[in-house]
Amino acid sequence: MKQKQRATIFLKIVTILLGMPALALGLCWLLDMANRDAVAHLESAYLSYLLCLSMCSLLHCVISSLSSLNQHRPA
């Protein structure tokens, strides 16, 4: 049982270590694209704020789902 628990913890750590930089790069890339689009098309500049808000809510959902993984683990 301990071997399975170690493997699960290892996979969680690897997923977080690989996922966080990818999420951060994606967030920066999308926000940079939104800013460039806002400069090019001033009439739709408010959409960059909506994109930022949606990315923040997505990040919140990912973090809350990762934190709830340990809470629902059987004893």
N, C-alpha and C. Protein backbone atom coordinates (compact mmCIF):
# COMPACT_ATOMS: atom_id res chain seq x y z
N MET A 1 0.82 -1.20 0.00
CA MET A 1 0.00 0.00 0.00
C MET A 1 0.86 1.26 0.00
N LYS A 2 1.98 1.21 0.73
CA LYS A 2 2.83 2.39 0.80
C LYS A 2 3.47 2.69 -0.55
N GLN A 3 3.78 1.62 -1.32
CA GLN A 3 4.37 1.83 -2.64
C GLN A 3 3.39 2.55 -3.55
N LYS A 4 2.12 2.17 -3.48
CA LYS A 4 1.09 2.82 -4.30
C LYS A 4 0.92 4.28 -3.87
N GLN A 5 0.96 4.53 -2.57
CA GLN A 5 0.81 5.89 -2.07
C GLN A 5 2.01 6.75 -2.50
N ARG A 6 3.21 6.19 -2.48
CA ARG A 6 4.39 6.93 -2.93
C ARG A 6 4.30 7.27 -4.41
N ALA A 7 3.82 6.29 -5.19
CA ALA A 7 3.69 6.53 -6.63
C ALA A 7 2.66 7.62 -6.90
N THR A 8 1.57 7.63 -6.14
CA THR A 8 0.54 8.64 -6.32
C THR A 8 1.07 10.02 -5.95
N ILE A 9 1.78 10.11 -4.86
CA ILE A 9 2.36 11.39 -4.45
C ILE A 9 3.38 11.86 -5.47
N PHE A 10 4.21 10.94 -5.98
CA PHE A 10 5.19 11.30 -6.99
C PHE A 10 4.51 11.83 -8.25
N LEU A 11 3.44 11.18 -8.68
CA LEU A 11 2.73 11.64 -9.88
C LEU A 11 2.08 13.00 -9.66
N LYS A 12 1.57 13.25 -8.47
CA LYS A 12 0.99 14.56 -8.17
C LYS A 12 2.06 15.64 -8.23
N ILE A 13 3.22 15.35 -7.66
CA ILE A 13 4.30 16.34 -7.65
C ILE A 13 4.79 16.62 -9.06
N VAL A 14 4.95 15.56 -9.87
CA VAL A 14 5.40 15.74 -11.25
C VAL A 14 4.37 16.54 -12.05
N THR A 15 3.10 16.23 -11.85
CA THR A 15 2.04 16.95 -12.56
C THR A 15 2.05 18.43 -12.20
N ILE A 16 2.21 18.72 -10.94
CA ILE A 16 2.24 20.13 -10.51
C ILE A 16 3.48 20.83 -11.04
N LEU A 17 4.63 20.15 -10.96
CA LEU A 17 5.88 20.77 -11.42
C LEU A 17 5.89 21.00 -12.93
N LEU A 18 5.24 20.15 -13.68
CA LEU A 18 5.16 20.35 -15.12
C LEU A 18 4.01 21.27 -15.51
N GLY A 19 2.95 21.23 -14.75
CA GLY A 19 1.75 22.00 -15.11
C GLY A 19 1.83 23.47 -14.77
N MET A 20 2.44 23.82 -13.67
CA MET A 20 2.48 25.22 -13.26
C MET A 20 3.27 26.10 -14.23
N PRO A 21 4.45 25.69 -14.69
CA PRO A 21 5.13 26.53 -15.69
C PRO A 21 4.35 26.63 -17.00
N ALA A 22 3.74 25.52 -17.40
CA ALA A 22 2.95 25.56 -18.64
C ALA A 22 1.76 26.50 -18.48
N LEU A 23 1.11 26.46 -17.33
CA LEU A 23 -0.02 27.35 -17.08
C LEU A 23 0.44 28.80 -17.02
N ALA A 24 1.56 29.05 -16.38
CA ALA A 24 2.08 30.43 -16.29
C ALA A 24 2.47 30.96 -17.66
N LEU A 25 3.15 30.14 -18.47
CA LEU A 25 3.51 30.58 -19.81
C LEU A 25 2.27 30.82 -20.67
N GLY A 26 1.31 29.94 -20.55
CA GLY A 26 0.07 30.12 -21.30
C GLY A 26 -0.67 31.38 -20.88
N LEU A 27 -0.68 31.64 -19.59
CA LEU A 27 -1.35 32.83 -19.09
C LEU A 27 -0.66 34.09 -19.59
N CYS A 28 0.67 34.12 -19.51
CA CYS A 28 1.41 35.30 -19.99
C CYS A 28 1.25 35.47 -21.50
N TRP A 29 1.28 34.37 -22.22
CA TRP A 29 1.14 34.43 -23.68
C TRP A 29 -0.23 34.94 -24.09
N LEU A 30 -1.26 34.43 -23.43
CA LEU A 30 -2.62 34.88 -23.77
C LEU A 30 -2.83 36.34 -23.41
N LEU A 31 -2.32 36.76 -22.27
CA LEU A 31 -2.48 38.16 -21.89
C LEU A 31 -1.70 39.09 -22.81
N ASP A 32 -0.53 38.64 -23.27
CA ASP A 32 0.23 39.44 -24.21
C ASP A 32 -0.52 39.56 -25.54
N MET A 33 -1.11 38.46 -25.98
CA MET A 33 -1.90 38.52 -27.22
C MET A 33 -3.12 39.42 -27.05
N ALA A 34 -3.74 39.36 -25.89
CA ALA A 34 -4.91 40.21 -25.64
C ALA A 34 -4.52 41.69 -25.64
N ASN A 35 -3.37 42.00 -25.07
CA ASN A 35 -2.92 43.39 -25.06
C ASN A 35 -2.60 43.89 -26.47
N ARG A 36 -1.95 43.04 -27.27
CA ARG A 36 -1.67 43.43 -28.65
C ARG A 36 -2.96 43.64 -29.45
N ASP A 37 -3.94 42.78 -29.20
CA ASP A 37 -5.22 42.93 -29.89
C ASP A 37 -5.94 44.19 -29.43
N ALA A 38 -5.83 44.52 -28.14
CA ALA A 38 -6.48 45.73 -27.63
C ALA A 38 -5.86 46.98 -28.22
N VAL A 39 -4.55 46.96 -28.45
CA VAL A 39 -3.89 48.11 -29.08
C VAL A 39 -4.31 48.22 -30.54
N ALA A 40 -4.42 47.09 -31.21
CA ALA A 40 -4.77 47.10 -32.64
C ALA A 40 -6.24 47.46 -32.86
N HIS A 41 -7.11 46.99 -31.99
CA HIS A 41 -8.55 47.22 -32.13
C HIS A 41 -9.08 47.87 -30.86
N LEU A 42 -9.08 49.18 -30.83
CA LEU A 42 -9.46 49.89 -29.61
C LEU A 42 -10.93 49.69 -29.25
N GLU A 43 -11.76 49.40 -30.24
CA GLU A 43 -13.19 49.24 -29.93
C GLU A 43 -13.48 47.96 -29.15
N SER A 44 -12.56 47.00 -29.18
CA SER A 44 -12.77 45.75 -28.43
C SER A 44 -11.74 45.59 -27.32
N ALA A 45 -11.21 46.68 -26.81
CA ALA A 45 -10.16 46.61 -25.79
C ALA A 45 -10.68 46.03 -24.47
N TYR A 46 -11.96 46.16 -24.21
CA TYR A 46 -12.52 45.64 -22.96
C TYR A 46 -12.46 44.11 -22.91
N LEU A 47 -12.31 43.45 -24.03
CA LEU A 47 -12.26 42.00 -24.04
C LEU A 47 -10.99 41.46 -23.37
N SER A 48 -9.93 42.24 -23.34
CA SER A 48 -8.71 41.78 -22.66
C SER A 48 -8.95 41.63 -21.16
N TYR A 49 -9.78 42.49 -20.59
CA TYR A 49 -10.11 42.36 -19.17
C TYR A 49 -10.94 41.12 -18.92
N LEU A 50 -11.85 40.81 -19.84
CA LEU A 50 -12.64 39.59 -19.70
C LEU A 50 -11.76 38.35 -19.83
N LEU A 51 -10.78 38.39 -20.71
CA LEU A 51 -9.86 37.27 -20.86
C LEU A 51 -9.04 37.09 -19.59
N CYS A 52 -8.57 38.16 -19.02
CA CYS A 52 -7.80 38.09 -17.78
C CYS A 52 -8.65 37.52 -16.65
N LEU A 53 -9.88 37.95 -16.56
CA LEU A 53 -10.78 37.46 -15.52
C LEU A 53 -11.07 35.97 -15.71
N SER A 54 -11.28 35.55 -16.94
CA SER A 54 -11.57 34.14 -17.18
C SER A 54 -10.35 33.27 -16.90
N MET A 55 -9.14 33.75 -17.21
CA MET A 55 -7.94 32.98 -16.92
C MET A 55 -7.71 32.89 -15.41
N CYS A 56 -8.01 33.94 -14.68
CA CYS A 56 -7.87 33.89 -13.22
C CYS A 56 -8.86 32.92 -12.61
N SER A 57 -10.07 32.89 -13.13
CA SER A 57 -11.06 31.95 -12.61
C SER A 57 -10.68 30.52 -12.96
N LEU A 58 -10.10 30.30 -14.14
CA LEU A 58 -9.63 28.98 -14.51
C LEU A 58 -8.50 28.53 -13.58
N LEU A 59 -7.58 29.42 -13.28
CA LEU A 59 -6.49 29.11 -12.37
C LEU A 59 -7.03 28.77 -10.98
N HIS A 60 -8.03 29.49 -10.54
CA HIS A 60 -8.65 29.22 -9.24
C HIS A 60 -9.29 27.83 -9.24
N CYS A 61 -9.97 27.47 -10.31
CA CYS A 61 -10.60 26.15 -10.40
C CYS A 61 -9.56 25.04 -10.38
N VAL A 62 -8.46 25.22 -11.07
CA VAL A 62 -7.41 24.21 -11.10
C VAL A 62 -6.80 24.04 -9.72
N ILE A 63 -6.51 25.13 -9.06
CA ILE A 63 -5.90 25.06 -7.72
C ILE A 63 -6.86 24.43 -6.72
N SER A 64 -8.13 24.80 -6.78
CA SER A 64 -9.09 24.22 -5.83
C SER A 64 -9.32 22.74 -6.10
N SER A 65 -9.29 22.32 -7.37
CA SER A 65 -9.46 20.90 -7.65
C SER A 65 -8.24 20.10 -7.21
N LEU A 66 -7.05 20.69 -7.35
CA LEU A 66 -5.85 20.00 -6.86
C LEU A 66 -5.84 19.89 -5.35
N SER A 67 -6.31 20.90 -4.67
CA SER A 67 -6.32 20.84 -3.20
C SER A 67 -7.40 19.89 -2.69
N SER A 68 -8.44 19.67 -3.47
CA SER A 68 -9.49 18.76 -3.01
C SER A 68 -9.15 17.30 -3.28
N LEU A 69 -8.07 17.02 -4.01
CA LEU A 69 -7.68 15.64 -4.27
C LEU A 69 -7.32 14.91 -2.99
N ASN A 70 -6.62 15.57 -2.10
CA ASN A 70 -6.23 14.94 -0.85
C ASN A 70 -7.39 14.78 0.11
N GLN A 71 -8.39 15.59 0.01
CA GLN A 71 -9.52 15.53 0.93
C GLN A 71 -10.43 14.35 0.64
N HIS A 72 -10.49 13.92 -0.64
CA HIS A 72 -11.41 12.84 -1.02
C HIS A 72 -10.71 11.49 -1.12
N ARG A 73 -9.48 11.42 -0.66
CA ARG A 73 -8.73 10.17 -0.72
C ARG A 73 -9.23 9.24 0.39
N PRO A 74 -9.50 7.98 0.05
CA PRO A 74 -9.96 7.04 1.10
C PRO A 74 -8.85 6.74 2.11
N ALA A 75 -9.25 6.48 3.33
CA ALA A 75 -8.29 6.26 4.40
C ALA A 75 -7.65 4.90 4.37
